[in-house]
Each structure stands twice: as structure tokens, then as C-alpha cells.
């Protein structure tokens, strides 16, 4: 089984996921699942810190 993690940055300094981040992550997760790949996590990094979708219960 394959697993991937996604990572992107927020130059604003706020690592809080936007509604668009959450919706896009769900779409990518569904698409990956259709071909047998698990989305392990999606991380947002910024100067102010980071956010893990997995630890936030968003995956």
C-alpha cells in the first residue's frame, strides 16, 4: 500500500487551513483512494508554525 503526505506553505504566517485547503484536501484524498493510495497527512507550514490535518481531525 502506498501512502503520501502533502505539504504547502502559507506566506501570510498563519498556518490555519482555509476552507479551500480543506475542500481540496478532501478531493485529493478521494482521488488517491480511487487508485489505492492513502493520504497520510497534509501539512501547512508558515513562519508562525505548522498545522497537521491529521492531528486536527481533518483527515
PDB file of N, CA and C in Angstrom:
ATOM      1  N   UNK A   1       0.844  -1.180   0.000  1.00  0.00           N
ATOM      2  CA  UNK A   1       0.000   0.000   0.000  1.00  0.00           C
ATOM      3  C   UNK A   1       0.891   1.245   0.000  1.00  0.00           C
ATOM      4  N   UNK A   2       0.526   2.197  -0.805  1.00  0.00           N
ATOM      5  CA  UNK A   2       1.259   3.452  -0.896  1.00  0.00           C
ATOM      6  C   UNK A   2       0.580   4.508  -0.041  1.00  0.00           C
ATOM      7  N   UNK A   3       1.407   5.369   0.545  1.00  0.00           N
ATOM      8  CA  UNK A   3       0.909   6.495   1.331  1.00  0.00           C
ATOM      9  C   UNK A   3       1.707   7.729   0.933  1.00  0.00           C
ATOM     10  N   UNK A   4       1.026   8.862   0.904  1.00  0.00           N
ATOM     11  CA  UNK A   4       1.729  10.118   0.644  1.00  0.00           C
ATOM     12  C   UNK A   4       1.289  11.169   1.665  1.00  0.00           C
ATOM     13  N   UNK A   5       2.118  12.182   1.794  1.00  0.00           N
ATOM     14  CA  UNK A   5       1.780  13.362   2.584  1.00  0.00           C
ATOM     15  C   UNK A   5       1.892  14.568   1.667  1.00  0.00           C
ATOM     16  N   UNK A   6       1.001  15.515   1.859  1.00  0.00           N
ATOM     17  CA  UNK A   6       1.043  16.772   1.107  1.00  0.00           C
ATOM     18  C   UNK A   6       1.559  17.859   2.035  1.00  0.00           C
ATOM     19  N   UNK A   7       2.269  18.801   1.460  1.00  0.00           N
ATOM     20  CA  UNK A   7       2.791  19.934   2.229  1.00  0.00           C
ATOM     21  C   UNK A   7       2.673  21.185   1.373  1.00  0.00           C
ATOM     22  N   UNK A   8       2.207  22.260   1.983  1.00  0.00           N
ATOM     23  CA  UNK A   8       2.258  23.550   1.303  1.00  0.00           C
ATOM     24  C   UNK A   8       2.456  24.649   2.343  1.00  0.00           C
ATOM     25  N   UNK A   9       2.787  25.834   1.861  1.00  0.00           N
ATOM     26  CA  UNK A   9       3.062  26.929   2.791  1.00  0.00           C
ATOM     27  C   UNK A   9       1.979  28.004   2.725  1.00  0.00           C
ATOM     28  N   UNK A  10       1.908  28.761   3.801  1.00  0.00           N
ATOM     29  CA  UNK A  10       1.063  29.958   3.863  1.00  0.00           C
ATOM     30  C   UNK A  10       1.999  31.132   4.143  1.00  0.00           C
ATOM     31  N   UNK A  11       2.343  31.906   3.125  1.00  0.00           N
ATOM     32  CA  UNK A  11       3.258  33.034   3.313  1.00  0.00           C
ATOM     33  C   UNK A  11       2.738  34.082   4.288  1.00  0.00           C
ATOM     34  N   UNK A  12       1.434  34.066   4.552  1.00  0.00           N
ATOM     35  CA  UNK A  12       0.853  35.055   5.470  1.00  0.00           C
ATOM     36  C   UNK A  12       1.361  34.888   6.897  1.00  0.00           C
ATOM     37  N   UNK A  13       1.887  33.686   7.201  1.00  0.00           N
ATOM     38  CA  UNK A  13       2.351  33.426   8.563  1.00  0.00           C
ATOM     39  C   UNK A  13       1.319  32.698   9.408  1.00  0.00           C
ATOM     40  N   UNK A  14       0.090  32.554   8.904  1.00  0.00           N
ATOM     41  CA  UNK A  14      -0.981  31.861   9.619  1.00  0.00           C
ATOM     42  C   UNK A  14      -1.159  30.477   9.001  1.00  0.00           C
ATOM     43  N   UNK A  15      -0.889  29.430   9.767  1.00  0.00           N
ATOM     44  CA  UNK A  15      -0.956  28.059   9.260  1.00  0.00           C
ATOM     45  C   UNK A  15      -2.351  27.443   9.368  1.00  0.00           C
ATOM     46  N   UNK A  16      -3.352  28.235   9.656  1.00  0.00           N
ATOM     47  CA  UNK A  16      -4.716  27.730   9.763  1.00  0.00           C
ATOM     48  C   UNK A  16      -5.233  27.333   8.376  1.00  0.00           C
ATOM     49  N   UNK A  17      -5.779  26.116   8.230  1.00  0.00           N
ATOM     50  CA  UNK A  17      -6.300  25.700   6.931  1.00  0.00           C
ATOM     51  C   UNK A  17      -7.504  26.553   6.515  1.00  0.00           C
ATOM     52  N   UNK A  18      -7.511  26.967   5.272  1.00  0.00           N
ATOM     53  CA  UNK A  18      -8.657  27.712   4.736  1.00  0.00           C
ATOM     54  C   UNK A  18      -9.725  26.719   4.289  1.00  0.00           C
ATOM     55  N   UNK A  19     -10.906  27.225   4.016  1.00  0.00           N
ATOM     56  CA  UNK A  19     -11.975  26.364   3.501  1.00  0.00           C
ATOM     57  C   UNK A  19     -11.526  25.705   2.192  1.00  0.00           C
ATOM     58  N   UNK A  20     -10.835  26.467   1.349  1.00  0.00           N
ATOM     59  CA  UNK A  20     -10.331  25.926   0.080  1.00  0.00           C
ATOM     60  C   UNK A  20      -9.302  24.826   0.323  1.00  0.00           C
ATOM     61  N   UNK A  21      -8.433  24.991   1.316  1.00  0.00           N
ATOM     62  CA  UNK A  21      -7.452  23.949   1.662  1.00  0.00           C
ATOM     63  C   UNK A  21      -8.163  22.658   2.059  1.00  0.00           C
ATOM     64  N   UNK A  22      -9.193  22.779   2.874  1.00  0.00           N
ATOM     65  CA  UNK A  22      -9.929  21.620   3.370  1.00  0.00           C
ATOM     66  C   UNK A  22     -10.662  20.919   2.221  1.00  0.00           C
ATOM     67  N   UNK A  23     -11.330  21.684   1.375  1.00  0.00           N
ATOM     68  CA  UNK A  23     -12.072  21.100   0.250  1.00  0.00           C
ATOM     69  C   UNK A  23     -11.129  20.419  -0.740  1.00  0.00           C
ATOM     70  N   UNK A  24     -10.015  21.060  -1.066  1.00  0.00           N
ATOM     71  CA  UNK A  24      -9.055  20.491  -2.000  1.00  0.00           C
ATOM     72  C   UNK A  24      -8.455  19.212  -1.429  1.00  0.00           C
ATOM     73  N   UNK A  25      -8.167  19.203  -0.134  1.00  0.00           N
ATOM     74  CA  UNK A  25      -7.600  18.020   0.504  1.00  0.00           C
ATOM     75  C   UNK A  25      -8.572  16.848   0.426  1.00  0.00           C
ATOM     76  N   UNK A  26      -9.850  17.096   0.653  1.00  0.00           N
ATOM     77  CA  UNK A  26     -10.851  16.021   0.544  1.00  0.00           C
ATOM     78  C   UNK A  26     -10.922  15.477  -0.872  1.00  0.00           C
ATOM     79  N   UNK A  27     -10.850  16.356  -1.866  1.00  0.00           N
ATOM     80  CA  UNK A  27     -10.892  15.913  -3.262  1.00  0.00           C
ATOM     81  C   UNK A  27      -9.663  15.076  -3.607  1.00  0.00           C
ATOM     82  N   UNK A  28      -8.499  15.525  -3.162  1.00  0.00           N
ATOM     83  CA  UNK A  28      -7.263  14.771  -3.422  1.00  0.00           C
ATOM     84  C   UNK A  28      -7.316  13.425  -2.707  1.00  0.00           C
ATOM     85  N   UNK A  29      -7.778  13.417  -1.461  1.00  0.00           N
ATOM     86  CA  UNK A  29      -7.893  12.170  -0.700  1.00  0.00           C
ATOM     87  C   UNK A  29      -8.790  11.174  -1.438  1.00  0.00           C
ATOM     88  N   UNK A  30      -9.937  11.629  -1.928  1.00  0.00           N
ATOM     89  CA  UNK A  30     -10.860  10.766  -2.653  1.00  0.00           C
ATOM     90  C   UNK A  30     -10.232  10.237  -3.943  1.00  0.00           C
ATOM     91  N   UNK A  31      -9.554  11.095  -4.667  1.00  0.00           N
ATOM     92  CA  UNK A  31      -8.918  10.687  -5.925  1.00  0.00           C
ATOM     93  C   UNK A  31      -7.812   9.667  -5.670  1.00  0.00           C
ATOM     94  N   UNK A  32      -7.003   9.904  -4.644  1.00  0.00           N
ATOM     95  CA  UNK A  32      -5.937   8.957  -4.314  1.00  0.00           C
ATOM     96  C   UNK A  32      -6.506   7.611  -3.891  1.00  0.00           C
ATOM     97  N   UNK A  33      -7.549   7.657  -3.100  1.00  0.00           N
ATOM     98  CA  UNK A  33      -8.196   6.434  -2.632  1.00  0.00           C
ATOM     99  C   UNK A  33      -8.689   5.590  -3.805  1.00  0.00           C
ATOM    100  N   UNK A  34      -9.179   6.247  -4.842  1.00  0.00           N
ATOM    101  CA  UNK A  34      -9.693   5.538  -6.017  1.00  0.00           C
ATOM    102  C   UNK A  34      -8.623   4.717  -6.724  1.00  0.00           C
ATOM    103  N   UNK A  35      -7.358   5.104  -6.546  1.00  0.00           N
ATOM    104  CA  UNK A  35      -6.259   4.352  -7.169  1.00  0.00           C
ATOM    105  C   UNK A  35      -5.402   3.632  -6.129  1.00  0.00           C
ATOM    106  N   UNK A  36      -5.945   3.453  -4.927  1.00  0.00           N
ATOM    107  CA  UNK A  36      -5.277   2.645  -3.905  1.00  0.00           C
ATOM    108  C   UNK A  36      -4.162   3.324  -3.132  1.00  0.00           C
ATOM    109  N   UNK A  37      -4.179   4.636  -3.086  1.00  0.00           N
ATOM    110  CA  UNK A  37      -3.152   5.386  -2.355  1.00  0.00           C
ATOM    111  C   UNK A  37      -3.811   6.092  -1.174  1.00  0.00           C
ATOM    112  N   UNK A  38      -3.161   6.032  -0.020  1.00  0.00           N
ATOM    113  CA  UNK A  38      -3.661   6.670   1.188  1.00  0.00           C
ATOM    114  C   UNK A  38      -3.014   8.038   1.374  1.00  0.00           C
ATOM    115  N   UNK A  39      -3.829   9.036   1.666  1.00  0.00           N
ATOM    116  CA  UNK A  39      -3.292  10.346   2.030  1.00  0.00           C
ATOM    117  C   UNK A  39      -2.997  10.298   3.523  1.00  0.00           C
ATOM    118  N   UNK A  40      -1.721  10.235   3.878  1.00  0.00           N
ATOM    119  CA  UNK A  40      -1.303  10.086   5.271  1.00  0.00           C
ATOM    120  C   UNK A  40      -1.508  11.369   6.071  1.00  0.00           C
ATOM    121  N   UNK A  41      -1.158  12.516   5.482  1.00  0.00           N
ATOM    122  CA  UNK A  41      -1.314  13.796   6.166  1.00  0.00           C
ATOM    123  C   UNK A  41      -1.187  14.921   5.150  1.00  0.00           C
ATOM    124  N   UNK A  42      -1.635  16.083   5.543  1.00  0.00           N
ATOM    125  CA  UNK A  42      -1.457  17.309   4.772  1.00  0.00           C
ATOM    126  C   UNK A  42      -0.976  18.344   5.782  1.00  0.00           C
ATOM    127  N   UNK A  43       0.201  18.871   5.533  1.00  0.00           N
ATOM    128  CA  UNK A  43       0.797  19.849   6.443  1.00  0.00           C
ATOM    129  C   UNK A  43       0.801  21.224   5.800  1.00  0.00           C
ATOM    130  N   UNK A  44       0.494  22.216   6.615  1.00  0.00           N
ATOM    131  CA  UNK A  44       0.634  23.610   6.199  1.00  0.00           C
ATOM    132  C   UNK A  44       1.737  24.199   7.076  1.00  0.00           C
ATOM    133  N   UNK A  45       2.723  24.799   6.449  1.00  0.00           N
ATOM    134  CA  UNK A  45       3.819  25.415   7.194  1.00  0.00           C
ATOM    135  C   UNK A  45       3.822  26.922   6.958  1.00  0.00           C
ATOM    136  N   UNK A  46       4.234  27.635   7.980  1.00  0.00           N
ATOM    137  CA  UNK A  46       4.329  29.095   7.883  1.00  0.00           C
ATOM    138  C   UNK A  46       5.373  29.571   8.882  1.00  0.00           C
ATOM    139  N   UNK A  47       5.671  30.844   8.836  1.00  0.00           N
ATOM    140  CA  UNK A  47       6.615  31.402   9.814  1.00  0.00           C
ATOM    141  C   UNK A  47       6.097  31.247  11.239  1.00  0.00           C
ATOM    142  N   UNK A  48       4.772  31.239  11.379  1.00  0.00           N
ATOM    143  CA  UNK A  48       4.162  31.162  12.701  1.00  0.00           C
ATOM    144  C   UNK A  48       3.986  29.760  13.241  1.00  0.00           C
ATOM    145  N   UNK A  49       4.351  28.742  12.462  1.00  0.00           N
ATOM    146  CA  UNK A  49       4.217  27.372  12.923  1.00  0.00           C
ATOM    147  C   UNK A  49       3.727  26.455  11.820  1.00  0.00           C
ATOM    148  N   UNK A  50       3.062  25.399  12.208  1.00  0.00           N
ATOM    149  CA  UNK A  50       2.552  24.445  11.223  1.00  0.00           C
ATOM    150  C   UNK A  50       1.236  23.839  11.712  1.00  0.00           C
ATOM    151  N   UNK A  51       0.488  23.275  10.780  1.00  0.00           N
ATOM    152  CA  UNK A  51      -0.758  22.586  11.093  1.00  0.00           C
ATOM    153  C   UNK A  51      -0.770  21.256  10.366  1.00  0.00           C
ATOM    154  N   UNK A  52      -1.158  20.202  11.072  1.00  0.00           N
ATOM    155  CA  UNK A  52      -1.320  18.875  10.508  1.00  0.00           C
ATOM    156  C   UNK A  52      -2.816  18.583  10.398  1.00  0.00           C
ATOM    157  N   UNK A  53      -3.267  18.299   9.196  1.00  0.00           N
ATOM    158  CA  UNK A  53      -4.676  17.947   9.005  1.00  0.00           C
ATOM    159  C   UNK A  53      -5.012  16.694   9.802  1.00  0.00           C
ATOM    160  N   UNK A  54      -4.087  15.761   9.856  1.00  0.00           N
ATOM    161  CA  UNK A  54      -4.332  14.516  10.600  1.00  0.00           C
ATOM    162  C   UNK A  54      -4.538  14.802  12.081  1.00  0.00           C
ATOM    163  N   UNK A  55      -3.660  15.588  12.671  1.00  0.00           N
ATOM    164  CA  UNK A  55      -3.778  15.872  14.122  1.00  0.00           C
ATOM    165  C   UNK A  55      -4.970  16.756  14.435  1.00  0.00           C
ATOM    166  N   UNK A  56      -5.462  17.516  13.433  1.00  0.00           N
ATOM    167  CA  UNK A  56      -6.627  18.362  13.630  1.00  0.00           C
ATOM    168  C   UNK A  56      -7.941  17.618  13.363  1.00  0.00           C
ATOM    169  N   UNK A  57      -7.837  16.344  12.985  1.00  0.00           N
ATOM    170  CA  UNK A  57      -9.032  15.563  12.694  1.00  0.00           C
ATOM    171  C   UNK A  57      -9.673  15.890  11.354  1.00  0.00           C
ATOM    172  N   UNK A  58      -8.898  16.491  10.451  1.00  0.00           N
ATOM    173  CA  UNK A  58      -9.426  16.886   9.152  1.00  0.00           C
ATOM    174  C   UNK A  58      -9.211  15.831   8.076  1.00  0.00           C
ATOM    175  N   UNK A  59      -8.578  14.726   8.442  1.00  0.00           N
ATOM    176  CA  UNK A  59      -8.401  13.593   7.513  1.00  0.00           C
ATOM    177  C   UNK A  59      -9.095  12.373   8.076  1.00  0.00           C
TER     178      UNK A  59
END
